């Protein structure tokens, strides 16, 4: 049997990009304040 334990997986988002926080905030702003008559689509 496999030793897979997905419930024990721990992840943390980290980037070495010095502008990471600024870029994330721009994306979050789109979600929170979507411009009128616009659609925001997220693709992972």
N, C-alpha and C. Protein backbone atom coordinates (compact mmCIF):
# COMPACT_ATOMS: atom_id res chain seq x y z
N UNK A 1 0.84 -1.18 0.00
CA UNK A 1 0.00 0.00 0.00
C UNK A 1 0.89 1.25 0.00
N UNK A 2 0.38 2.32 -0.57
CA UNK A 2 1.13 3.57 -0.65
C UNK A 2 1.19 4.29 0.69
N UNK A 3 2.22 5.08 0.84
CA UNK A 3 2.36 5.88 2.06
C UNK A 3 1.88 7.31 1.84
N UNK A 4 0.94 7.50 0.96
CA UNK A 4 0.43 8.84 0.68
C UNK A 4 -0.45 9.32 1.83
N UNK A 5 -0.22 10.55 2.26
CA UNK A 5 -1.02 11.14 3.33
C UNK A 5 -1.32 12.60 2.97
N UNK A 6 -2.21 12.82 2.00
CA UNK A 6 -2.49 14.18 1.56
C UNK A 6 -3.02 15.08 2.67
N UNK A 7 -3.67 14.51 3.66
CA UNK A 7 -4.18 15.31 4.77
C UNK A 7 -3.05 15.87 5.64
N UNK A 8 -1.84 15.38 5.45
CA UNK A 8 -0.71 15.86 6.24
C UNK A 8 0.20 16.80 5.44
N UNK A 9 -0.23 17.10 4.23
CA UNK A 9 0.55 18.00 3.39
C UNK A 9 0.45 19.43 3.89
N UNK A 10 1.57 20.08 3.97
CA UNK A 10 1.58 21.46 4.42
C UNK A 10 2.30 22.29 3.37
N UNK A 11 1.64 23.34 2.93
CA UNK A 11 2.22 24.18 1.88
C UNK A 11 2.25 25.64 2.33
N UNK A 12 3.16 26.37 1.72
CA UNK A 12 3.26 27.79 1.99
C UNK A 12 3.67 28.47 0.69
N UNK A 13 2.96 29.50 0.33
CA UNK A 13 3.27 30.23 -0.88
C UNK A 13 4.42 31.19 -0.59
N UNK A 14 5.46 31.07 -1.38
CA UNK A 14 6.63 31.93 -1.17
C UNK A 14 7.23 32.26 -2.53
N UNK A 15 7.67 33.48 -2.68
CA UNK A 15 8.30 33.89 -3.93
C UNK A 15 9.49 34.77 -3.59
N UNK A 16 10.52 34.65 -4.38
CA UNK A 16 11.71 35.49 -4.20
C UNK A 16 11.58 36.80 -4.96
N UNK A 17 10.49 36.96 -5.67
CA UNK A 17 10.25 38.18 -6.43
C UNK A 17 10.07 39.35 -5.46
N UNK A 18 10.89 40.40 -5.56
CA UNK A 18 10.77 41.53 -4.64
C UNK A 18 9.45 42.30 -4.80
N UNK A 19 8.78 42.12 -5.92
CA UNK A 19 7.50 42.81 -6.15
C UNK A 19 6.30 41.87 -5.93
N UNK A 20 6.53 40.74 -5.32
CA UNK A 20 5.48 39.74 -5.15
C UNK A 20 4.26 40.30 -4.43
N UNK A 21 4.46 40.94 -3.30
CA UNK A 21 3.34 41.46 -2.52
C UNK A 21 2.55 42.48 -3.32
N UNK A 22 3.23 43.35 -4.00
CA UNK A 22 2.55 44.37 -4.81
C UNK A 22 1.70 43.71 -5.91
N UNK A 23 2.25 42.70 -6.55
CA UNK A 23 1.54 42.00 -7.62
C UNK A 23 0.33 41.25 -7.09
N UNK A 24 0.50 40.60 -5.96
CA UNK A 24 -0.63 39.88 -5.35
C UNK A 24 -1.74 40.87 -5.00
N UNK A 25 -1.38 42.00 -4.44
CA UNK A 25 -2.38 42.99 -4.07
C UNK A 25 -3.14 43.51 -5.28
N UNK A 26 -2.49 43.63 -6.42
CA UNK A 26 -3.18 44.06 -7.65
C UNK A 26 -4.23 43.03 -8.06
N UNK A 27 -3.89 41.77 -7.94
CA UNK A 27 -4.83 40.70 -8.30
C UNK A 27 -6.01 40.68 -7.32
N UNK A 28 -5.70 40.78 -6.05
CA UNK A 28 -6.76 40.76 -5.03
C UNK A 28 -7.70 41.95 -5.24
N UNK A 29 -7.15 43.07 -5.58
CA UNK A 29 -7.97 44.26 -5.84
C UNK A 29 -8.98 43.99 -6.95
N UNK A 30 -8.58 43.26 -7.98
CA UNK A 30 -9.51 42.91 -9.05
C UNK A 30 -10.66 42.05 -8.54
N UNK A 31 -10.35 41.11 -7.66
CA UNK A 31 -11.40 40.25 -7.11
C UNK A 31 -12.36 41.04 -6.22
N UNK A 32 -11.80 41.88 -5.40
CA UNK A 32 -12.61 42.62 -4.43
C UNK A 32 -13.41 43.74 -5.10
N UNK A 33 -12.79 44.44 -6.03
CA UNK A 33 -13.43 45.58 -6.68
C UNK A 33 -13.41 45.41 -8.20
N UNK A 34 -14.15 44.42 -8.66
CA UNK A 34 -14.21 44.17 -10.10
C UNK A 34 -14.83 45.39 -10.78
N UNK A 35 -14.17 45.89 -11.82
CA UNK A 35 -14.73 47.05 -12.54
C UNK A 35 -16.11 46.72 -13.10
N UNK A 36 -16.96 47.72 -13.12
CA UNK A 36 -18.32 47.56 -13.63
C UNK A 36 -18.27 47.08 -15.08
N UNK A 37 -19.16 46.20 -15.43
CA UNK A 37 -19.24 45.65 -16.79
C UNK A 37 -17.99 44.89 -17.20
N UNK A 38 -17.28 44.35 -16.24
CA UNK A 38 -16.08 43.53 -16.53
C UNK A 38 -16.25 42.17 -15.86
N UNK A 39 -15.52 41.20 -16.38
CA UNK A 39 -15.51 39.87 -15.80
C UNK A 39 -14.07 39.48 -15.47
N UNK A 40 -13.88 38.96 -14.28
CA UNK A 40 -12.55 38.50 -13.88
C UNK A 40 -12.56 36.98 -13.89
N UNK A 41 -11.60 36.40 -14.60
CA UNK A 41 -11.50 34.95 -14.69
C UNK A 41 -10.13 34.53 -14.15
N UNK A 42 -10.14 33.56 -13.27
CA UNK A 42 -8.90 33.05 -12.69
C UNK A 42 -8.64 31.64 -13.22
N UNK A 43 -7.43 31.40 -13.69
CA UNK A 43 -7.05 30.09 -14.17
C UNK A 43 -5.76 29.69 -13.48
N UNK A 44 -5.80 28.59 -12.78
CA UNK A 44 -4.60 28.11 -12.08
C UNK A 44 -3.93 27.05 -12.92
